[in-house]
Amino acid sequence: MERKFYQRHAFFCTSGKTCPQKAPVEDLIGFFRQEIKKRGLNKEIRVNKSGCLDWCQEGPVMVVYPEGVWYAGLKAEDLPEILEEHLINGRPVERLVARREG
């Protein structure tokens, strides 16, 4: 049986010292999952919880593959744009992309 890979795979930090405390991460994940399902894209886009992504103090944090693009300090109002532009259309939202020194 041949398996089809997801076009995009997003991981949300749901553990560690700060991500779960800074925002309702479960609500952020729920928004993406609901919208992806509503649009019939659950075979193309996958959203998963992850353990600590080691970006403590910068949460909530999400990383999107295959591009390896990180978003930090996520806010609910950022999610529709990330969903539409990046997860669906493959264009990272540059103004929201996390930059980390070192």
PDB file of N, CA and C in Angstrom:
ATOM      1  N   MET A   1       0.835  -1.181   0.000  1.00  0.00           N
ATOM      2  CA  MET A   1       0.000   0.000   0.000  1.00  0.00           C
ATOM      3  C   MET A   1       0.882   1.248   0.000  1.00  0.00           C
ATOM      4  N   GLU A   2       0.642   2.101  -0.951  1.00  0.00           N
ATOM      5  CA  GLU A   2       1.420   3.344  -1.044  1.00  0.00           C
ATOM      6  C   GLU A   2       0.756   4.426  -0.192  1.00  0.00           C
ATOM      7  N   ARG A   3       1.567   5.077   0.622  1.00  0.00           N
ATOM      8  CA  ARG A   3       1.046   6.150   1.486  1.00  0.00           C
ATOM      9  C   ARG A   3       1.368   7.501   0.878  1.00  0.00           C
ATOM     10  N   LYS A   4       0.415   8.389   1.002  1.00  0.00           N
ATOM     11  CA  LYS A   4       0.614   9.754   0.539  1.00  0.00           C
ATOM     12  C   LYS A   4       1.068  10.593   1.740  1.00  0.00           C
ATOM     13  N   PHE A   5       2.098  11.393   1.542  1.00  0.00           N
ATOM     14  CA  PHE A   5       2.595  12.251   2.605  1.00  0.00           C
ATOM     15  C   PHE A   5       1.811  13.553   2.634  1.00  0.00           C
ATOM     16  N   TYR A   6       1.776  14.156   3.815  1.00  0.00           N
ATOM     17  CA  TYR A   6       1.119  15.452   3.952  1.00  0.00           C
ATOM     18  C   TYR A   6       1.925  16.518   3.233  1.00  0.00           C
ATOM     19  N   GLN A   7       1.236  17.492   2.664  1.00  0.00           N
ATOM     20  CA  GLN A   7       1.936  18.619   2.042  1.00  0.00           C
ATOM     21  C   GLN A   7       2.532  19.533   3.098  1.00  0.00           C
ATOM     22  N   ARG A   8       1.818  19.710   4.202  1.00  0.00           N
ATOM     23  CA  ARG A   8       2.283  20.539   5.319  1.00  0.00           C
ATOM     24  C   ARG A   8       1.990  19.795   6.611  1.00  0.00           C
ATOM     25  N   HIS A   9       2.896  19.952   7.571  1.00  0.00           N
ATOM     26  CA  HIS A   9       2.728  19.318   8.872  1.00  0.00           C
ATOM     27  C   HIS A   9       3.122  20.346   9.918  1.00  0.00           C
ATOM     28  N   ALA A  10       2.172  20.730  10.763  1.00  0.00           N
ATOM     29  CA  ALA A  10       2.414  21.748  11.791  1.00  0.00           C
ATOM     30  C   ALA A  10       2.452  21.097  13.164  1.00  0.00           C
ATOM     31  N   PHE A  11       3.450  21.483  13.953  1.00  0.00           N
ATOM     32  CA  PHE A  11       3.604  20.983  15.314  1.00  0.00           C
ATOM     33  C   PHE A  11       3.516  22.151  16.291  1.00  0.00           C
ATOM     34  N   PHE A  12       2.668  22.015  17.299  1.00  0.00           N
ATOM     35  CA  PHE A  12       2.518  23.014  18.357  1.00  0.00           C
ATOM     36  C   PHE A  12       3.149  22.495  19.635  1.00  0.00           C
ATOM     37  N   CYS A  13       3.956  23.319  20.266  1.00  0.00           N
ATOM     38  CA  CYS A  13       4.490  22.980  21.575  1.00  0.00           C
ATOM     39  C   CYS A  13       3.335  23.009  22.569  1.00  0.00           C
ATOM     40  N   THR A  14       3.145  21.894  23.281  1.00  0.00           N
ATOM     41  CA  THR A  14       2.076  21.820  24.271  1.00  0.00           C
ATOM     42  C   THR A  14       2.609  21.463  25.653  1.00  0.00           C
ATOM     43  N   SER A  15       3.924  21.526  25.811  1.00  0.00           N
ATOM     44  CA  SER A  15       4.502  21.214  27.107  1.00  0.00           C
ATOM     45  C   SER A  15       5.598  22.222  27.421  1.00  0.00           C
ATOM     46  N   GLY A  16       6.462  21.884  28.323  1.00  0.00           N
ATOM     47  CA  GLY A  16       7.505  22.818  28.713  1.00  0.00           C
ATOM     48  C   GLY A  16       6.985  23.772  29.775  1.00  0.00           C
ATOM     49  N   LYS A  17       7.809  24.755  30.094  1.00  0.00           N
ATOM     50  CA  LYS A  17       7.498  25.652  31.197  1.00  0.00           C
ATOM     51  C   LYS A  17       6.599  26.817  30.819  1.00  0.00           C
ATOM     52  N   THR A  18       6.585  27.225  29.545  1.00  0.00           N
ATOM     53  CA  THR A  18       5.880  28.464  29.235  1.00  0.00           C
ATOM     54  C   THR A  18       4.784  28.375  28.172  1.00  0.00           C
ATOM     55  N   CYS A  19       4.966  27.615  27.120  1.00  0.00           N
ATOM     56  CA  CYS A  19       3.985  27.622  26.025  1.00  0.00           C
ATOM     57  C   CYS A  19       2.553  27.401  26.508  1.00  0.00           C
ATOM     58  N   PRO A  20       2.295  26.347  27.288  1.00  0.00           N
ATOM     59  CA  PRO A  20       0.906  26.123  27.695  1.00  0.00           C
ATOM     60  C   PRO A  20       0.373  27.212  28.637  1.00  0.00           C
ATOM     61  N   GLN A  21       1.252  27.903  29.327  1.00  0.00           N
ATOM     62  CA  GLN A  21       0.809  28.937  30.252  1.00  0.00           C
ATOM     63  C   GLN A  21       0.583  30.288  29.579  1.00  0.00           C
ATOM     64  N   LYS A  22       1.250  30.546  28.458  1.00  0.00           N
ATOM     65  CA  LYS A  22       1.148  31.851  27.800  1.00  0.00           C
ATOM     66  C   LYS A  22      -0.110  32.018  26.972  1.00  0.00           C
ATOM     67  N   ALA A  23      -0.680  30.928  26.507  1.00  0.00           N
ATOM     68  CA  ALA A  23      -1.879  31.012  25.664  1.00  0.00           C
ATOM     69  C   ALA A  23      -2.604  29.676  25.723  1.00  0.00           C
ATOM     70  N   PRO A  24      -3.873  29.691  25.379  1.00  0.00           N
ATOM     71  CA  PRO A  24      -4.626  28.424  25.343  1.00  0.00           C
ATOM     72  C   PRO A  24      -4.237  27.626  24.089  1.00  0.00           C
ATOM     73  N   VAL A  25      -3.120  26.913  24.166  1.00  0.00           N
ATOM     74  CA  VAL A  25      -2.572  26.199  23.012  1.00  0.00           C
ATOM     75  C   VAL A  25      -3.593  25.222  22.434  1.00  0.00           C
ATOM     76  N   GLU A  26      -4.356  24.572  23.289  1.00  0.00           N
ATOM     77  CA  GLU A  26      -5.366  23.625  22.797  1.00  0.00           C
ATOM     78  C   GLU A  26      -6.384  24.335  21.897  1.00  0.00           C
ATOM     79  N   ASP A  27      -6.708  25.591  22.216  1.00  0.00           N
ATOM     80  CA  ASP A  27      -7.632  26.358  21.374  1.00  0.00           C
ATOM     81  C   ASP A  27      -7.003  26.680  20.022  1.00  0.00           C
ATOM     82  N   LEU A  28      -5.703  26.984  20.023  1.00  0.00           N
ATOM     83  CA  LEU A  28      -5.006  27.280  18.761  1.00  0.00           C
ATOM     84  C   LEU A  28      -5.007  26.043  17.869  1.00  0.00           C
ATOM     85  N   ILE A  29      -4.672  24.907  18.451  1.00  0.00           N
ATOM     86  CA  ILE A  29      -4.675  23.653  17.700  1.00  0.00           C
ATOM     87  C   ILE A  29      -6.081  23.356  17.194  1.00  0.00           C
ATOM     88  N   GLY A  30      -7.061  23.538  18.051  1.00  0.00           N
ATOM     89  CA  GLY A  30      -8.448  23.282  17.679  1.00  0.00           C
ATOM     90  C   GLY A  30      -8.898  24.125  16.503  1.00  0.00           C
ATOM     91  N   PHE A  31      -8.484  25.392  16.484  1.00  0.00           N
ATOM     92  CA  PHE A  31      -8.842  26.257  15.358  1.00  0.00           C
ATOM     93  C   PHE A  31      -8.318  25.666  14.051  1.00  0.00           C
ATOM     94  N   PHE A  32      -7.015  25.323  14.021  1.00  0.00           N
ATOM     95  CA  PHE A  32      -6.438  24.771  12.791  1.00  0.00           C
ATOM     96  C   PHE A  32      -7.131  23.478  12.388  1.00  0.00           C
ATOM     97  N   ARG A  33      -7.309  22.575  13.326  1.00  0.00           N
ATOM     98  CA  ARG A  33      -7.932  21.286  12.998  1.00  0.00           C
ATOM     99  C   ARG A  33      -9.350  21.468  12.461  1.00  0.00           C
ATOM    100  N   GLN A  34     -10.113  22.332  13.089  1.00  0.00           N
ATOM    101  CA  GLN A  34     -11.495  22.580  12.656  1.00  0.00           C
ATOM    102  C   GLN A  34     -11.532  23.160  11.249  1.00  0.00           C
ATOM    103  N   GLU A  35     -10.702  24.158  10.989  1.00  0.00           N
ATOM    104  CA  GLU A  35     -10.688  24.799   9.672  1.00  0.00           C
ATOM    105  C   GLU A  35     -10.192  23.856   8.584  1.00  0.00           C
ATOM    106  N   ILE A  36      -9.179  23.067   8.906  1.00  0.00           N
ATOM    107  CA  ILE A  36      -8.638  22.113   7.929  1.00  0.00           C
ATOM    108  C   ILE A  36      -9.693  21.071   7.580  1.00  0.00           C
ATOM    109  N   LYS A  37     -10.376  20.572   8.591  1.00  0.00           N
ATOM    110  CA  LYS A  37     -11.437  19.582   8.356  1.00  0.00           C
ATOM    111  C   LYS A  37     -12.584  20.203   7.558  1.00  0.00           C
ATOM    112  N   LYS A  38     -12.993  21.414   7.942  1.00  0.00           N
ATOM    113  CA  LYS A  38     -14.099  22.097   7.261  1.00  0.00           C
ATOM    114  C   LYS A  38     -13.799  22.275   5.768  1.00  0.00           C
ATOM    115  N   ARG A  39     -12.546  22.499   5.435  1.00  0.00           N
ATOM    116  CA  ARG A  39     -12.150  22.713   4.040  1.00  0.00           C
ATOM    117  C   ARG A  39     -11.800  21.415   3.311  1.00  0.00           C
ATOM    118  N   GLY A  40     -11.901  20.288   4.013  1.00  0.00           N
ATOM    119  CA  GLY A  40     -11.623  18.991   3.401  1.00  0.00           C
ATOM    120  C   GLY A  40     -10.149  18.774   3.104  1.00  0.00           C
ATOM    121  N   LEU A  41      -9.277  19.363   3.921  1.00  0.00           N
ATOM    122  CA  LEU A  41      -7.836  19.287   3.672  1.00  0.00           C
ATOM    123  C   LEU A  41      -7.098  18.366   4.645  1.00  0.00           C
ATOM    124  N   ASN A  42      -7.825  17.502   5.377  1.00  0.00           N
ATOM    125  CA  ASN A  42      -7.158  16.683   6.381  1.00  0.00           C
ATOM    126  C   ASN A  42      -6.229  15.620   5.803  1.00  0.00           C
ATOM    127  N   LYS A  43      -6.258  15.387   4.533  1.00  0.00           N
ATOM    128  CA  LYS A  43      -5.302  14.459   3.921  1.00  0.00           C
ATOM    129  C   LYS A  43      -4.064  15.190   3.388  1.00  0.00           C
ATOM    130  N   GLU A  44      -4.131  16.516   3.316  1.00  0.00           N
ATOM    131  CA  GLU A  44      -3.014  17.324   2.828  1.00  0.00           C
ATOM    132  C   GLU A  44      -2.258  18.036   3.947  1.00  0.00           C
ATOM    133  N   ILE A  45      -2.981  18.386   5.015  1.00  0.00           N
ATOM    134  CA  ILE A  45      -2.389  19.170   6.105  1.00  0.00           C
ATOM    135  C   ILE A  45      -2.639  18.450   7.417  1.00  0.00           C
ATOM    136  N   ARG A  46      -1.604  18.305   8.211  1.00  0.00           N
ATOM    137  CA  ARG A  46      -1.707  17.632   9.516  1.00  0.00           C
ATOM    138  C   ARG A  46      -1.246  18.580  10.612  1.00  0.00           C
ATOM    139  N   VAL A  47      -1.966  18.609  11.723  1.00  0.00           N
ATOM    140  CA  VAL A  47      -1.605  19.417  12.884  1.00  0.00           C
ATOM    141  C   VAL A  47      -1.444  18.479  14.070  1.00  0.00           C
ATOM    142  N   ASN A  48      -0.282  18.546  14.722  1.00  0.00           N
ATOM    143  CA  ASN A  48      -0.001  17.691  15.865  1.00  0.00           C
ATOM    144  C   ASN A  48       0.509  18.486  17.049  1.00  0.00           C
ATOM    145  N   LYS A  49       0.336  17.905  18.215  1.00  0.00           N
ATOM    146  CA  LYS A  49       0.947  18.425  19.431  1.00  0.00           C
ATOM    147  C   LYS A  49       2.371  17.896  19.479  1.00  0.00           C
ATOM    148  N   SER A  50       3.260  18.671  20.075  1.00  0.00           N
ATOM    149  CA  SER A  50       4.618  18.184  20.271  1.00  0.00           C
ATOM    150  C   SER A  50       5.001  18.410  21.718  1.00  0.00           C
ATOM    151  N   GLY A  51       6.090  17.807  22.087  1.00  0.00           N
ATOM    152  CA  GLY A  51       6.680  18.113  23.376  1.00  0.00           C
ATOM    153  C   GLY A  51       7.377  19.456  23.262  1.00  0.00           C
ATOM    154  N   CYS A  52       8.162  19.780  24.252  1.00  0.00           N
ATOM    155  CA  CYS A  52       8.861  21.061  24.280  1.00  0.00           C
ATOM    156  C   CYS A  52       9.747  21.220  23.046  1.00  0.00           C
ATOM    157  N   LEU A  53       9.634  22.375  22.397  1.00  0.00           N
ATOM    158  CA  LEU A  53      10.452  22.681  21.216  1.00  0.00           C
ATOM    159  C   LEU A  53      11.672  23.525  21.583  1.00  0.00           C
ATOM    160  N   ASP A  54      11.883  23.728  22.868  1.00  0.00           N
ATOM    161  CA  ASP A  54      13.062  24.421  23.396  1.00  0.00           C
ATOM    162  C   ASP A  54      13.137  25.883  22.971  1.00  0.00           C
ATOM    163  N   TRP A  55      11.988  26.516  22.827  1.00  0.00           N
ATOM    164  CA  TRP A  55      11.926  27.956  22.573  1.00  0.00           C
ATOM    165  C   TRP A  55      11.184  28.612  23.734  1.00  0.00           C
ATOM    166  N   CYS A  56      11.482  28.137  24.920  1.00  0.00           N
ATOM    167  CA  CYS A  56      10.821  28.639  26.125  1.00  0.00           C
ATOM    168  C   CYS A  56      10.930  30.159  26.176  1.00  0.00           C
ATOM    169  N   GLN A  57       9.959  30.774  26.766  1.00  0.00           N
ATOM    170  CA  GLN A  57       9.819  32.229  26.893  1.00  0.00           C
ATOM    171  C   GLN A  57       9.364  32.883  25.595  1.00  0.00           C
ATOM    172  N   GLU A  58       9.277  32.133  24.492  1.00  0.00           N
ATOM    173  CA  GLU A  58       8.859  32.709  23.218  1.00  0.00           C
ATOM    174  C   GLU A  58       7.531  32.124  22.740  1.00  0.00           C
ATOM    175  N   GLY A  59       6.888  31.354  23.585  1.00  0.00           N
ATOM    176  CA  GLY A  59       5.685  30.648  23.191  1.00  0.00           C
ATOM    177  C   GLY A  59       4.451  31.523  23.137  1.00  0.00           C
ATOM    178  N   PRO A  60       3.388  30.965  22.650  1.00  0.00           N
ATOM    179  CA  PRO A  60       3.302  29.625  22.085  1.00  0.00           C
ATOM    180  C   PRO A  60       4.038  29.530  20.749  1.00  0.00           C
ATOM    181  N   VAL A  61       4.562  28.349  20.491  1.00  0.00           N
ATOM    182  CA  VAL A  61       5.432  28.118  19.337  1.00  0.00           C
ATOM    183  C   VAL A  61       4.837  27.033  18.440  1.00  0.00           C
ATOM    184  N   MET A  62       4.992  27.243  17.120  1.00  0.00           N
ATOM    185  CA  MET A  62       4.561  26.270  16.127  1.00  0.00           C
ATOM    186  C   MET A  62       5.647  26.199  15.056  1.00  0.00           C
ATOM    187  N   VAL A  63       5.928  24.997  14.563  1.00  0.00           N
ATOM    188  CA  VAL A  63       6.856  24.826  13.446  1.00  0.00           C
ATOM    189  C   VAL A  63       6.120  24.086  12.337  1.00  0.00           C
ATOM    190  N   VAL A  64       6.337  24.549  11.097  1.00  0.00           N
ATOM    191  CA  VAL A  64       5.648  23.980   9.935  1.00  0.00           C
ATOM    192  C   VAL A  64       6.676  23.338   9.014  1.00  0.00           C
ATOM    193  N   TYR A  65       6.414  22.081   8.679  1.00  0.00           N
ATOM    194  CA  TYR A  65       7.268  21.342   7.742  1.00  0.00           C
ATOM    195  C   TYR A  65       6.476  21.042   6.480  1.00  0.00           C
ATOM    196  N   PRO A  66       7.121  20.934   5.316  1.00  0.00           N
ATOM    197  CA  PRO A  66       8.532  20.624   5.146  1.00  0.00           C
ATOM    198  C   PRO A  66       9.464  21.840   5.155  1.00  0.00           C
ATOM    199  N   GLU A  67       8.922  23.045   5.211  1.00  0.00           N
ATOM    200  CA  GLU A  67       9.774  24.232   5.114  1.00  0.00           C
ATOM    201  C   GLU A  67      10.623  24.474   6.358  1.00  0.00           C
ATOM    202  N   GLY A  68      10.185  23.971   7.506  1.00  0.00           N
ATOM    203  CA  GLY A  68      10.910  24.213   8.744  1.00  0.00           C
ATOM    204  C   GLY A  68      10.762  25.656   9.216  1.00  0.00           C
ATOM    205  N   VAL A  69       9.586  26.228   9.012  1.00  0.00           N
ATOM    206  CA  VAL A  69       9.322  27.619   9.397  1.00  0.00           C
ATOM    207  C   VAL A  69       8.745  27.634  10.808  1.00  0.00           C
ATOM    208  N   TRP A  70       9.325  28.509  11.641  1.00  0.00           N
ATOM    209  CA  TRP A  70       8.903  28.638  13.030  1.00  0.00           C
ATOM    210  C   TRP A  70       8.096  29.913  13.231  1.00  0.00           C
ATOM    211  N   TYR A  71       7.034  29.780  14.014  1.00  0.00           N
ATOM    212  CA  TYR A  71       6.245  30.932  14.455  1.00  0.00           C
ATOM    213  C   TYR A  71       6.269  30.921  15.981  1.00  0.00           C
ATOM    214  N   ALA A  72       6.525  32.066  16.581  1.00  0.00           N
ATOM    215  CA  ALA A  72       6.580  32.158  18.044  1.00  0.00           C
ATOM    216  C   ALA A  72       5.711  33.318  18.508  1.00  0.00           C
ATOM    217  N   GLY A  73       5.294  33.248  19.768  1.00  0.00           N
ATOM    218  CA  GLY A  73       4.433  34.291  20.305  1.00  0.00           C
ATOM    219  C   GLY A  73       3.104  34.357  19.580  1.00  0.00           C
ATOM    220  N   LEU A  74       2.598  33.199  19.191  1.00  0.00           N
ATOM    221  CA  LEU A  74       1.355  33.148  18.409  1.00  0.00           C
ATOM    222  C   LEU A  74       0.176  33.755  19.158  1.00  0.00           C
ATOM    223  N   LYS A  75      -0.668  34.415  18.384  1.00  0.00           N
ATOM    224  CA  LYS A  75      -1.913  34.982  18.900  1.00  0.00           C
ATOM    225  C   LYS A  75      -3.047  34.452  18.031  1.00  0.00           C
ATOM    226  N   ALA A  76      -4.207  34.328  18.637  1.00  0.00           N
ATOM    227  CA  ALA A  76      -5.367  33.796  17.907  1.00  0.00           C
ATOM    228  C   ALA A  76      -5.625  34.566  16.618  1.00  0.00           C
ATOM    229  N   GLU A  77      -5.416  35.877  16.649  1.00  0.00           N
ATOM    230  CA  GLU A  77      -5.698  36.689  15.451  1.00  0.00           C
ATOM    231  C   GLU A  77      -4.716  36.438  14.307  1.00  0.00           C
ATOM    232  N   ASP A  78      -3.566  35.777  14.591  1.00  0.00           N
ATOM    233  CA  ASP A  78      -2.589  35.446  13.543  1.00  0.00           C
ATOM    234  C   ASP A  78      -2.966  34.171  12.784  1.00  0.00           C
ATOM    235  N   LEU A  79      -3.769  33.340  13.399  1.00  0.00           N
ATOM    236  CA  LEU A  79      -4.012  32.004  12.867  1.00  0.00           C
ATOM    237  C   LEU A  79      -4.688  31.962  11.502  1.00  0.00           C
ATOM    238  N   PRO A  80      -5.733  32.758  11.240  1.00  0.00           N
ATOM    239  CA  PRO A  80      -6.345  32.680   9.906  1.00  0.00           C
ATOM    240  C   PRO A  80      -5.361  32.993   8.780  1.00  0.00           C
ATOM    241  N   GLU A  81      -4.487  33.965   8.998  1.00  0.00           N
ATOM    242  CA  GLU A  81      -3.513  34.312   7.960  1.00  0.00           C
ATOM    243  C   GLU A  81      -2.483  33.198   7.776  1.00  0.00           C
ATOM    244  N   ILE A  82      -2.004  32.615   8.867  1.00  0.00           N
ATOM    245  CA  ILE A  82      -1.045  31.509   8.755  1.00  0.00           C
ATOM    246  C   ILE A  82      -1.699  30.327   8.045  1.00  0.00           C
ATOM    247  N   LEU A  83      -2.943  30.036   8.405  1.00  0.00           N
ATOM    248  CA  LEU A  83      -3.655  28.927   7.762  1.00  0.00           C
ATOM    249  C   LEU A  83      -3.770  29.147   6.265  1.00  0.00           C
ATOM    250  N   GLU A  84      -4.293  30.288   5.877  1.00  0.00           N
ATOM    251  CA  GLU A  84      -4.545  30.566   4.462  1.00  0.00           C
ATOM    252  C   GLU A  84      -3.253  30.691   3.660  1.00  0.00           C
ATOM    253  N   GLU A  85      -2.364  31.531   4.136  1.00  0.00           N
ATOM    254  CA  GLU A  85      -1.145  31.823   3.365  1.00  0.00           C
ATOM    255  C   GLU A  85      -0.123  30.684   3.394  1.00  0.00           C
ATOM    256  N   HIS A  86       0.148  30.154   4.573  1.00  0.00           N
ATOM    257  CA  HIS A  86       1.221  29.165   4.667  1.00  0.00           C
ATOM    258  C   HIS A  86       0.726  27.732   4.523  1.00  0.00           C
ATOM    259  N   LEU A  87      -0.176  27.315   5.410  1.00  0.00           N
ATOM    260  CA  LEU A  87      -0.572  25.908   5.375  1.00  0.00           C
ATOM    261  C   LEU A  87      -1.295  25.533   4.092  1.00  0.00           C
ATOM    262  N   ILE A  88      -2.116  26.430   3.569  1.00  0.00           N
ATOM    263  CA  ILE A  88      -2.860  26.111   2.347  1.00  0.00           C
ATOM    264  C   ILE A  88      -2.097  26.507   1.090  1.00  0.00           C
ATOM    265  N   ASN A  89      -1.551  27.719   1.055  1.00  0.00           N
ATOM    266  CA  ASN A  89      -0.916  28.220  -0.173  1.00  0.00           C
ATOM    267  C   ASN A  89       0.607  28.121  -0.201  1.00  0.00           C
ATOM    268  N   GLY A  90       1.219  27.660   0.893  1.00  0.00           N
ATOM    269  CA  GLY A  90       2.660  27.413   0.886  1.00  0.00           C
ATOM    270  C   GLY A  90       3.537  28.647   0.962  1.00  0.00           C
ATOM    271  N   ARG A  91       2.966  29.770   1.388  1.00  0.00           N
ATOM    272  CA  ARG A  91       3.750  31.013   1.498  1.00  0.00           C
ATOM    273  C   ARG A  91       3.849  31.414   2.969  1.00  0.00           C
ATOM    274  N   PRO A  92       5.010  31.207   3.598  1.00  0.00           N
ATOM    275  CA  PRO A  92       5.153  31.602   5.003  1.00  0.00           C
ATOM    276  C   PRO A  92       4.788  33.078   5.192  1.00  0.00           C
ATOM    277  N   VAL A  93       4.204  33.377   6.332  1.00  0.00           N
ATOM    278  CA  VAL A  93       3.813  34.749   6.659  1.00  0.00           C
ATOM    279  C   VAL A  93       5.050  35.413   7.268  1.00  0.00           C
ATOM    280  N   GLU A  94       5.821  36.071   6.419  1.00  0.00           N
ATOM    281  CA  GLU A  94       7.138  36.588   6.813  1.00  0.00           C
ATOM    282  C   GLU A  94       7.099  37.492   8.034  1.00  0.00           C
ATOM    283  N   ARG A  95       6.085  38.321   8.162  1.00  0.00           N
ATOM    284  CA  ARG A  95       6.044  39.236   9.301  1.00  0.00           C
ATOM    285  C   ARG A  95       5.836  38.501  10.623  1.00  0.00           C
ATOM    286  N   LEU A  96       5.396  37.242  10.564  1.00  0.00           N
ATOM    287  CA  LEU A  96       5.169  36.457  11.769  1.00  0.00           C
ATOM    288  C   LEU A  96       6.219  35.379  12.004  1.00  0.00           C
ATOM    289  N   VAL A  97       7.102  35.172  11.025  1.00  0.00           N
ATOM    290  CA  VAL A  97       8.130  34.139  11.149  1.00  0.00           C
ATOM    291  C   VAL A  97       9.090  34.510  12.276  1.00  0.00           C
ATOM    292  N   ALA A  98       9.352  33.542  13.146  1.00  0.00           N
ATOM    293  CA  ALA A  98      10.237  33.759  14.294  1.00  0.00           C
ATOM    294  C   ALA A  98      11.698  33.822  13.822  1.00  0.00           C
ATOM    295  N   ARG A  99      12.406  34.761  14.355  1.00  0.00           N
ATOM    296  CA  ARG A  99      13.844  34.891  14.100  1.00  0.00           C
ATOM    297  C   ARG A  99      14.545  34.677  15.431  1.00  0.00           C
ATOM    298  N   ARG A 100      15.532  33.848  15.433  1.00  0.00           N
ATOM    299  CA  ARG A 100      16.221  33.543  16.685  1.00  0.00           C
ATOM    300  C   ARG A 100      17.719  33.640  16.473  1.00  0.00           C
ATOM    301  N   GLU A 101      18.342  34.399  17.312  1.00  0.00           N
ATOM    302  CA  GLU A 101      19.794  34.551  17.270  1.00  0.00           C
ATOM    303  C   GLU A 101      20.440  33.320  17.907  1.00  0.00           C
ATOM    304  N   GLY A 102      21.569  32.907  17.333  1.00  0.00           N
ATOM    305  CA  GLY A 102      22.347  31.812  17.941  1.00  0.00           C
ATOM    306  C   GLY A 102      21.694  30.545  17.799  1.00  0.00           C
TER     307      GLY A 102
END
